[in-house]
Amino acid sequence: MNYSLALLPVRAQQQIERRAYMRAKPEEQAPELLTVPEACAELRIKRSKLYMYLHSRQLTSVKLGSRRLIPRSAIRALVEDRTIEALPKQSHNQI
């Protein structure tokens, strides 16, 4: 049977939404805006280093009320800016 979610009790709606969220792919689950602790965990840096990037404008953020949120795209841009391509391996036989 096909039931509309609106006709189900709120608790049942929440359970259905939670199950759908758990079945989603990881990239679909990831929020676009991260809190400061989440951004620190994703970058594997300390809070003070994250604020250094923010104050030096190397990382952008959004201020919503008292919350500071970091867009996932800003984290990707920061990582891409700091990514160094490996140099070609030089032969040791060259003298």
PDB file of N, CA and C in Angstrom:
ATOM      1  N   MET A   1       0.830  -1.180   0.000  1.00  0.00           N
ATOM      2  CA  MET A   1       0.000   0.000   0.000  1.00  0.00           C
ATOM      3  C   MET A   1       0.872   1.241   0.000  1.00  0.00           C
ATOM      4  N   ASN A   2       0.390   2.258  -0.634  1.00  0.00           N
ATOM      5  CA  ASN A   2       1.101   3.524  -0.718  1.00  0.00           C
ATOM      6  C   ASN A   2       0.437   4.533   0.213  1.00  0.00           C
ATOM      7  N   TYR A   3       1.125   4.900   1.272  1.00  0.00           N
ATOM      8  CA  TYR A   3       0.587   5.879   2.205  1.00  0.00           C
ATOM      9  C   TYR A   3       1.349   7.187   2.052  1.00  0.00           C
ATOM     10  N   SER A   4       0.650   8.269   2.207  1.00  0.00           N
ATOM     11  CA  SER A   4       1.299   9.570   2.184  1.00  0.00           C
ATOM     12  C   SER A   4       1.953   9.783   3.543  1.00  0.00           C
ATOM     13  N   LEU A   5       3.169  10.357   3.550  1.00  0.00           N
ATOM     14  CA  LEU A   5       3.856  10.626   4.820  1.00  0.00           C
ATOM     15  C   LEU A   5       3.047  11.572   5.698  1.00  0.00           C
ATOM     16  N   ALA A   6       2.302  12.467   5.091  1.00  0.00           N
ATOM     17  CA  ALA A   6       1.535  13.444   5.864  1.00  0.00           C
ATOM     18  C   ALA A   6       0.458  12.777   6.716  1.00  0.00           C
ATOM     19  N   LEU A   7      -0.002  11.596   6.325  1.00  0.00           N
ATOM     20  CA  LEU A   7      -1.052  10.911   7.068  1.00  0.00           C
ATOM     21  C   LEU A   7      -0.504  10.093   8.235  1.00  0.00           C
ATOM     22  N   LEU A   8       0.815   9.874   8.265  1.00  0.00           N
ATOM     23  CA  LEU A   8       1.429   9.091   9.329  1.00  0.00           C
ATOM     24  C   LEU A   8       1.709   9.972  10.542  1.00  0.00           C
ATOM     25  N   PRO A   9       1.754   9.360  11.730  1.00  0.00           N
ATOM     26  CA  PRO A   9       2.141  10.131  12.912  1.00  0.00           C
ATOM     27  C   PRO A   9       3.563  10.677  12.741  1.00  0.00           C
ATOM     28  N   VAL A  10       3.875  11.748  13.431  1.00  0.00           N
ATOM     29  CA  VAL A  10       5.166  12.414  13.303  1.00  0.00           C
ATOM     30  C   VAL A  10       6.311  11.451  13.593  1.00  0.00           C
ATOM     31  N   ARG A  11       6.174  10.646  14.604  1.00  0.00           N
ATOM     32  CA  ARG A  11       7.230   9.696  14.976  1.00  0.00           C
ATOM     33  C   ARG A  11       7.516   8.726  13.825  1.00  0.00           C
ATOM     34  N   ALA A  12       6.481   8.233  13.174  1.00  0.00           N
ATOM     35  CA  ALA A  12       6.657   7.319  12.047  1.00  0.00           C
ATOM     36  C   ALA A  12       7.326   8.031  10.880  1.00  0.00           C
ATOM     37  N   GLN A  13       6.969   9.281  10.637  1.00  0.00           N
ATOM     38  CA  GLN A  13       7.600  10.070   9.577  1.00  0.00           C
ATOM     39  C   GLN A  13       9.096  10.214   9.843  1.00  0.00           C
ATOM     40  N   GLN A  14       9.445  10.509  11.089  1.00  0.00           N
ATOM     41  CA  GLN A  14      10.851  10.684  11.455  1.00  0.00           C
ATOM     42  C   GLN A  14      11.633   9.388  11.255  1.00  0.00           C
ATOM     43  N   GLN A  15      11.025   8.252  11.611  1.00  0.00           N
ATOM     44  CA  GLN A  15      11.705   6.967  11.434  1.00  0.00           C
ATOM     45  C   GLN A  15      11.940   6.665   9.956  1.00  0.00           C
ATOM     46  N   ILE A  16      10.955   6.956   9.121  1.00  0.00           N
ATOM     47  CA  ILE A  16      11.103   6.722   7.680  1.00  0.00           C
ATOM     48  C   ILE A  16      12.193   7.616   7.114  1.00  0.00           C
ATOM     49  N   GLU A  17      12.221   8.891   7.509  1.00  0.00           N
ATOM     50  CA  GLU A  17      13.247   9.819   7.029  1.00  0.00           C
ATOM     51  C   GLU A  17      14.626   9.399   7.504  1.00  0.00           C
ATOM     52  N   ARG A  18      14.737   8.931   8.746  1.00  0.00           N
ATOM     53  CA  ARG A  18      16.018   8.491   9.291  1.00  0.00           C
ATOM     54  C   ARG A  18      16.531   7.272   8.532  1.00  0.00           C
ATOM     55  N   ARG A  19      15.641   6.326   8.213  1.00  0.00           N
ATOM     56  CA  ARG A  19      16.057   5.138   7.456  1.00  0.00           C
ATOM     57  C   ARG A  19      16.540   5.525   6.059  1.00  0.00           C
ATOM     58  N   ALA A  20      15.828   6.453   5.426  1.00  0.00           N
ATOM     59  CA  ALA A  20      16.239   6.910   4.090  1.00  0.00           C
ATOM     60  C   ALA A  20      17.598   7.591   4.173  1.00  0.00           C
ATOM     61  N   TYR A  21      17.843   8.380   5.227  1.00  0.00           N
ATOM     62  CA  TYR A  21      19.123   9.060   5.417  1.00  0.00           C
ATOM     63  C   TYR A  21      20.244   8.043   5.610  1.00  0.00           C
ATOM     64  N   MET A  22      19.987   7.001   6.374  1.00  0.00           N
ATOM     65  CA  MET A  22      21.013   5.997   6.641  1.00  0.00           C
ATOM     66  C   MET A  22      21.340   5.194   5.383  1.00  0.00           C
ATOM     67  N   ARG A  23      20.369   5.035   4.470  1.00  0.00           N
ATOM     68  CA  ARG A  23      20.609   4.305   3.226  1.00  0.00           C
ATOM     69  C   ARG A  23      21.290   5.163   2.169  1.00  0.00           C
ATOM     70  N   ALA A  24      21.299   6.468   2.371  1.00  0.00           N
ATOM     71  CA  ALA A  24      21.883   7.378   1.381  1.00  0.00           C
ATOM     72  C   ALA A  24      23.394   7.188   1.323  1.00  0.00           C
ATOM     73  N   LYS A  25      23.975   7.554   0.199  1.00  0.00           N
ATOM     74  CA  LYS A  25      25.422   7.488   0.026  1.00  0.00           C
ATOM     75  C   LYS A  25      26.075   8.524   0.932  1.00  0.00           C
ATOM     76  N   PRO A  26      27.321   8.287   1.362  1.00  0.00           N
ATOM     77  CA  PRO A  26      27.987   9.226   2.271  1.00  0.00           C
ATOM     78  C   PRO A  26      28.024  10.662   1.754  1.00  0.00           C
ATOM     79  N   GLU A  27      28.258  10.862   0.445  1.00  0.00           N
ATOM     80  CA  GLU A  27      28.324  12.231  -0.062  1.00  0.00           C
ATOM     81  C   GLU A  27      26.958  12.911  -0.037  1.00  0.00           C
ATOM     82  N   GLU A  28      25.866  12.116  -0.042  1.00  0.00           N
ATOM     83  CA  GLU A  28      24.527  12.692   0.053  1.00  0.00           C
ATOM     84  C   GLU A  28      24.200  13.054   1.495  1.00  0.00           C
ATOM     85  N   GLN A  29      24.833  12.396   2.465  1.00  0.00           N
ATOM     86  CA  GLN A  29      24.577  12.643   3.874  1.00  0.00           C
ATOM     87  C   GLN A  29      25.326  13.867   4.378  1.00  0.00           C
ATOM     88  N   ALA A  30      26.430  14.182   3.755  1.00  0.00           N
ATOM     89  CA  ALA A  30      27.310  15.229   4.258  1.00  0.00           C
ATOM     90  C   ALA A  30      26.636  16.602   4.157  1.00  0.00           C
ATOM     91  N   PRO A  31      26.599  17.329   5.263  1.00  0.00           N
ATOM     92  CA  PRO A  31      26.022  18.673   5.212  1.00  0.00           C
ATOM     93  C   PRO A  31      26.938  19.620   4.446  1.00  0.00           C
ATOM     94  N   GLU A  32      26.356  20.617   3.805  1.00  0.00           N
ATOM     95  CA  GLU A  32      27.147  21.574   3.035  1.00  0.00           C
ATOM     96  C   GLU A  32      27.861  22.568   3.943  1.00  0.00           C
ATOM     97  N   LEU A  33      27.261  22.898   5.103  1.00  0.00           N
ATOM     98  CA  LEU A  33      27.880  23.817   6.056  1.00  0.00           C
ATOM     99  C   LEU A  33      28.311  23.031   7.292  1.00  0.00           C
ATOM    100  N   LEU A  34      29.562  23.191   7.674  1.00  0.00           N
ATOM    101  CA  LEU A  34      30.111  22.477   8.829  1.00  0.00           C
ATOM    102  C   LEU A  34      30.327  23.426   9.990  1.00  0.00           C
ATOM    103  N   THR A  35      30.147  22.911  11.203  1.00  0.00           N
ATOM    104  CA  THR A  35      30.480  23.688  12.386  1.00  0.00           C
ATOM    105  C   THR A  35      32.003  23.740  12.514  1.00  0.00           C
ATOM    106  N   VAL A  36      32.498  24.583  13.389  1.00  0.00           N
ATOM    107  CA  VAL A  36      33.945  24.690  13.582  1.00  0.00           C
ATOM    108  C   VAL A  36      34.537  23.345  14.024  1.00  0.00           C
ATOM    109  N   PRO A  37      33.957  22.647  15.005  1.00  0.00           N
ATOM    110  CA  PRO A  37      34.525  21.340  15.371  1.00  0.00           C
ATOM    111  C   PRO A  37      34.485  20.326  14.226  1.00  0.00           C
ATOM    112  N   GLU A  38      33.410  20.331  13.422  1.00  0.00           N
ATOM    113  CA  GLU A  38      33.322  19.416  12.288  1.00  0.00           C
ATOM    114  C   GLU A  38      34.393  19.730  11.237  1.00  0.00           C
ATOM    115  N   ALA A  39      34.601  21.020  10.973  1.00  0.00           N
ATOM    116  CA  ALA A  39      35.620  21.432   9.998  1.00  0.00           C
ATOM    117  C   ALA A  39      37.011  21.046  10.499  1.00  0.00           C
ATOM    118  N   CYS A  40      37.259  21.239  11.788  1.00  0.00           N
ATOM    119  CA  CYS A  40      38.550  20.849  12.366  1.00  0.00           C
ATOM    120  C   CYS A  40      38.776  19.346  12.212  1.00  0.00           C
ATOM    121  N   ALA A  41      37.738  18.569  12.471  1.00  0.00           N
ATOM    122  CA  ALA A  41      37.855  17.116  12.349  1.00  0.00           C
ATOM    123  C   ALA A  41      38.103  16.721  10.897  1.00  0.00           C
ATOM    124  N   GLU A  42      37.413  17.368   9.977  1.00  0.00           N
ATOM    125  CA  GLU A  42      37.577  17.030   8.564  1.00  0.00           C
ATOM    126  C   GLU A  42      38.980  17.366   8.070  1.00  0.00           C
ATOM    127  N   LEU A  43      39.517  18.497   8.513  1.00  0.00           N
ATOM    128  CA  LEU A  43      40.859  18.910   8.103  1.00  0.00           C
ATOM    129  C   LEU A  43      41.953  18.287   8.966  1.00  0.00           C
ATOM    130  N   ARG A  44      41.549  17.708  10.101  1.00  0.00           N
ATOM    131  CA  ARG A  44      42.485  17.129  11.078  1.00  0.00           C
ATOM    132  C   ARG A  44      43.473  18.175  11.590  1.00  0.00           C
ATOM    133  N   ILE A  45      42.902  19.330  11.963  1.00  0.00           N
ATOM    134  CA  ILE A  45      43.707  20.412  12.534  1.00  0.00           C
ATOM    135  C   ILE A  45      43.062  20.876  13.839  1.00  0.00           C
ATOM    136  N   LYS A  46      43.817  21.626  14.622  1.00  0.00           N
ATOM    137  CA  LYS A  46      43.285  22.172  15.871  1.00  0.00           C
ATOM    138  C   LYS A  46      42.445  23.408  15.584  1.00  0.00           C
ATOM    139  N   ARG A  47      41.614  23.748  16.544  1.00  0.00           N
ATOM    140  CA  ARG A  47      40.709  24.889  16.427  1.00  0.00           C
ATOM    141  C   ARG A  47      41.476  26.190  16.171  1.00  0.00           C
ATOM    142  N   SER A  48      42.597  26.378  16.850  1.00  0.00           N
ATOM    143  CA  SER A  48      43.374  27.614  16.685  1.00  0.00           C
ATOM    144  C   SER A  48      43.912  27.747  15.259  1.00  0.00           C
ATOM    145  N   LYS A  49      44.304  26.639  14.642  1.00  0.00           N
ATOM    146  CA  LYS A  49      44.791  26.655  13.258  1.00  0.00           C
ATOM    147  C   LYS A  49      43.645  27.015  12.306  1.00  0.00           C
ATOM    148  N   LEU A  50      42.454  26.486  12.572  1.00  0.00           N
ATOM    149  CA  LEU A  50      41.297  26.804  11.736  1.00  0.00           C
ATOM    150  C   LEU A  50      40.994  28.303  11.813  1.00  0.00           C
ATOM    151  N   TYR A  51      41.021  28.863  13.023  1.00  0.00           N
ATOM    152  CA  TYR A  51      40.765  30.300  13.175  1.00  0.00           C
ATOM    153  C   TYR A  51      41.878  31.128  12.531  1.00  0.00           C
ATOM    154  N   MET A  52      43.104  30.614  12.514  1.00  0.00           N
ATOM    155  CA  MET A  52      44.186  31.311  11.816  1.00  0.00           C
ATOM    156  C   MET A  52      43.869  31.414  10.321  1.00  0.00           C
ATOM    157  N   TYR A  53      43.386  30.298   9.741  1.00  0.00           N
ATOM    158  CA  TYR A  53      42.989  30.309   8.332  1.00  0.00           C
ATOM    159  C   TYR A  53      41.826  31.277   8.094  1.00  0.00           C
ATOM    160  N   LEU A  54      40.890  31.332   9.031  1.00  0.00           N
ATOM    161  CA  LEU A  54      39.755  32.246   8.893  1.00  0.00           C
ATOM    162  C   LEU A  54      40.207  33.704   8.962  1.00  0.00           C
ATOM    163  N   HIS A  55      41.043  34.029   9.943  1.00  0.00           N
ATOM    164  CA  HIS A  55      41.487  35.418  10.120  1.00  0.00           C
ATOM    165  C   HIS A  55      42.387  35.889   8.980  1.00  0.00           C
ATOM    166  N   SER A  56      43.127  34.962   8.377  1.00  0.00           N
ATOM    167  CA  SER A  56      43.996  35.335   7.263  1.00  0.00           C
ATOM    168  C   SER A  56      43.253  35.272   5.922  1.00  0.00           C
ATOM    169  N   ARG A  57      41.957  34.964   5.986  1.00  0.00           N
ATOM    170  CA  ARG A  57      41.078  34.902   4.807  1.00  0.00           C
ATOM    171  C   ARG A  57      41.493  33.810   3.811  1.00  0.00           C
ATOM    172  N   GLN A  58      42.173  32.796   4.305  1.00  0.00           N
ATOM    173  CA  GLN A  58      42.500  31.643   3.471  1.00  0.00           C
ATOM    174  C   GLN A  58      41.343  30.645   3.460  1.00  0.00           C
ATOM    175  N   LEU A  59      40.432  30.804   4.420  1.00  0.00           N
ATOM    176  CA  LEU A  59      39.255  29.955   4.541  1.00  0.00           C
ATOM    177  C   LEU A  59      38.066  30.867   4.789  1.00  0.00           C
ATOM    178  N   THR A  60      36.992  30.656   4.052  1.00  0.00           N
ATOM    179  CA  THR A  60      35.809  31.498   4.217  1.00  0.00           C
ATOM    180  C   THR A  60      34.814  30.822   5.150  1.00  0.00           C
ATOM    181  N   SER A  61      33.957  31.630   5.751  1.00  0.00           N
ATOM    182  CA  SER A  61      32.939  31.101   6.651  1.00  0.00           C
ATOM    183  C   SER A  61      31.669  31.921   6.515  1.00  0.00           C
ATOM    184  N   VAL A  62      30.614  31.391   7.100  1.00  0.00           N
ATOM    185  CA  VAL A  62      29.309  32.045   7.110  1.00  0.00           C
ATOM    186  C   VAL A  62      28.916  32.234   8.562  1.00  0.00           C
ATOM    187  N   LYS A  63      28.433  33.411   8.890  1.00  0.00           N
ATOM    188  CA  LYS A  63      27.998  33.686  10.262  1.00  0.00           C
ATOM    189  C   LYS A  63      26.471  33.710  10.274  1.00  0.00           C
ATOM    190  N   LEU A  64      25.854  32.779  10.990  1.00  0.00           N
ATOM    191  CA  LEU A  64      24.404  32.730  11.147  1.00  0.00           C
ATOM    192  C   LEU A  64      24.091  32.893  12.626  1.00  0.00           C
ATOM    193  N   GLY A  65      23.635  34.078  12.994  1.00  0.00           N
ATOM    194  CA  GLY A  65      23.413  34.363  14.408  1.00  0.00           C
ATOM    195  C   GLY A  65      24.747  34.330  15.123  1.00  0.00           C
ATOM    196  N   SER A  66      24.859  33.490  16.125  1.00  0.00           N
ATOM    197  CA  SER A  66      26.128  33.371  16.845  1.00  0.00           C
ATOM    198  C   SER A  66      26.966  32.203  16.311  1.00  0.00           C
ATOM    199  N   ARG A  67      26.428  31.487  15.351  1.00  0.00           N
ATOM    200  CA  ARG A  67      27.135  30.313  14.819  1.00  0.00           C
ATOM    201  C   ARG A  67      28.019  30.687  13.642  1.00  0.00           C
ATOM    202  N   ARG A  68      29.231  30.144  13.633  1.00  0.00           N
ATOM    203  CA  ARG A  68      30.127  30.292  12.494  1.00  0.00           C
ATOM    204  C   ARG A  68      30.189  28.942  11.797  1.00  0.00           C
ATOM    205  N   LEU A  69      29.809  28.942  10.515  1.00  0.00           N
ATOM    206  CA  LEU A  69      29.776  27.711   9.734  1.00  0.00           C
ATOM    207  C   LEU A  69      30.726  27.830   8.558  1.00  0.00           C
ATOM    208  N   ILE A  70      31.355  26.726   8.228  1.00  0.00           N
ATOM    209  CA  ILE A  70      32.337  26.712   7.144  1.00  0.00           C
ATOM    210  C   ILE A  70      31.761  25.881   5.996  1.00  0.00           C
ATOM    211  N   PRO A  71      31.641  26.476   4.800  1.00  0.00           N
ATOM    212  CA  PRO A  71      31.141  25.709   3.655  1.00  0.00           C
ATOM    213  C   PRO A  71      32.129  24.610   3.265  1.00  0.00           C
ATOM    214  N   ARG A  72      31.599  23.463   2.925  1.00  0.00           N
ATOM    215  CA  ARG A  72      32.437  22.337   2.496  1.00  0.00           C
ATOM    216  C   ARG A  72      33.273  22.725   1.276  1.00  0.00           C
ATOM    217  N   SER A  73      32.710  23.576   0.407  1.00  0.00           N
ATOM    218  CA  SER A  73      33.445  24.017  -0.786  1.00  0.00           C
ATOM    219  C   SER A  73      34.679  24.836  -0.395  1.00  0.00           C
ATOM    220  N   ALA A  74      34.605  25.600   0.703  1.00  0.00           N
ATOM    221  CA  ALA A  74      35.753  26.377   1.174  1.00  0.00           C
ATOM    222  C   ALA A  74      36.858  25.449   1.673  1.00  0.00           C
ATOM    223  N   ILE A  75      36.463  24.355   2.314  1.00  0.00           N
ATOM    224  CA  ILE A  75      37.455  23.382   2.788  1.00  0.00           C
ATOM    225  C   ILE A  75      38.142  22.735   1.598  1.00  0.00           C
ATOM    226  N   ARG A  76      37.346  22.350   0.568  1.00  0.00           N
ATOM    227  CA  ARG A  76      37.944  21.759  -0.639  1.00  0.00           C
ATOM    228  C   ARG A  76      38.914  22.733  -1.300  1.00  0.00           C
ATOM    229  N   ALA A  77      38.530  24.026  -1.366  1.00  0.00           N
ATOM    230  CA  ALA A  77      39.393  25.036  -1.991  1.00  0.00           C
ATOM    231  C   ALA A  77      40.695  25.194  -1.206  1.00  0.00           C
ATOM    232  N   LEU A  78      40.625  25.202   0.115  1.00  0.00           N
ATOM    233  CA  LEU A  78      41.820  25.326   0.948  1.00  0.00           C
ATOM    234  C   LEU A  78      42.761  24.154   0.701  1.00  0.00           C
ATOM    235  N   VAL A  79      42.215  22.949   0.643  1.00  0.00           N
ATOM    236  CA  VAL A  79      43.037  21.757   0.409  1.00  0.00           C
ATOM    237  C   VAL A  79      43.650  21.800  -0.991  1.00  0.00           C
ATOM    238  N   GLU A  80      42.859  22.196  -1.988  1.00  0.00           N
ATOM    239  CA  GLU A  80      43.378  22.266  -3.355  1.00  0.00           C
ATOM    240  C   GLU A  80      44.493  23.304  -3.476  1.00  0.00           C
ATOM    241  N   ASP A  81      44.363  24.434  -2.767  1.00  0.00           N
ATOM    242  CA  ASP A  81      45.398  25.470  -2.800  1.00  0.00           C
ATOM    243  C   ASP A  81      46.709  24.974  -2.204  1.00  0.00           C
ATOM    244  N   ARG A  82      46.616  24.040  -1.271  1.00  0.00           N
ATOM    245  CA  ARG A  82      47.806  23.554  -0.589  1.00  0.00           C
ATOM    246  C   ARG A  82      48.316  22.226  -1.128  1.00  0.00           C
ATOM    247  N   THR A  83      47.661  21.693  -2.134  1.00  0.00           N
ATOM    248  CA  THR A  83      48.070  20.420  -2.709  1.00  0.00           C
ATOM    249  C   THR A  83      49.287  20.637  -3.600  1.00  0.00           C
ATOM    250  N   ILE A  84      50.314  19.846  -3.375  1.00  0.00           N
ATOM    251  CA  ILE A  84      51.551  19.932  -4.144  1.00  0.00           C
ATOM    252  C   ILE A  84      51.674  18.656  -4.963  1.00  0.00           C
ATOM    253  N   GLU A  85      51.901  18.827  -6.246  1.00  0.00           N
ATOM    254  CA  GLU A  85      52.099  17.654  -7.086  1.00  0.00           C
ATOM    255  C   GLU A  85      53.513  17.130  -6.879  1.00  0.00           C
ATOM    256  N   ALA A  86      53.622  15.824  -6.925  1.00  0.00           N
ATOM    257  CA  ALA A  86      54.927  15.196  -6.742  1.00  0.00           C
ATOM    258  C   ALA A  86      55.825  15.522  -7.926  1.00  0.00           C
ATOM    259  N   LEU A  87      57.087  15.796  -7.628  1.00  0.00           N
ATOM    260  CA  LEU A  87      58.065  16.034  -8.688  1.00  0.00           C
ATOM    261  C   LEU A  87      58.460  14.717  -9.310  1.00  0.00           C
ATOM    262  N   PRO A  88      58.812  14.716 -10.586  1.00  0.00           N
ATOM    263  CA  PRO A  88      59.239  13.462 -11.213  1.00  0.00           C
ATOM    264  C   PRO A  88      60.495  12.941 -10.503  1.00  0.00           C
ATOM    265  N   LYS A  89      60.555  11.636 -10.371  1.00  0.00           N
ATOM    266  CA  LYS A  89      61.690  11.020  -9.687  1.00  0.00           C
ATOM    267  C   LYS A  89      62.924  11.142 -10.573  1.00  0.00           C
ATOM    268  N   GLN A  90      63.996  11.635  -9.965  1.00  0.00           N
ATOM    269  CA  GLN A  90      65.246  11.785 -10.706  1.00  0.00           C
ATOM    270  C   GLN A  90      66.097  10.546 -10.502  1.00  0.00           C
ATOM    271  N   SER A  91      66.802  10.195 -11.527  1.00  0.00           N
ATOM    272  CA  SER A  91      67.676   9.030 -11.468  1.00  0.00           C
ATOM    273  C   SER A  91      68.919   9.376 -10.670  1.00  0.00           C
ATOM    274  N   HIS A  92      69.374   8.461  -9.849  1.00  0.00           N
ATOM    275  CA  HIS A  92      70.581   8.661  -9.058  1.00  0.00           C
ATOM    276  C   HIS A  92      71.839   8.476  -9.912  1.00  0.00           C
ATOM    277  N   ASN A  93      71.703   7.966 -11.121  1.00  0.00           N
ATOM    278  CA  ASN A  93      72.842   7.702 -11.996  1.00  0.00           C
ATOM    279  C   ASN A  93      73.333   8.977 -12.667  1.00  0.00           C
ATOM    280  N   GLN A  94      72.580  10.056 -12.577  1.00  0.00           N
ATOM    281  CA  GLN A  94      73.007  11.302 -13.230  1.00  0.00           C
ATOM    282  C   GLN A  94      74.076  11.986 -12.375  1.00  0.00           C
ATOM    283  N   ILE A  95      75.245  12.145 -12.922  1.00  0.00           N
ATOM    284  CA  ILE A  95      76.340  12.826 -12.202  1.00  0.00           C
ATOM    285  C   ILE A  95      76.968  13.842 -13.099  1.00  0.00           C
TER     286      ILE A  95
END
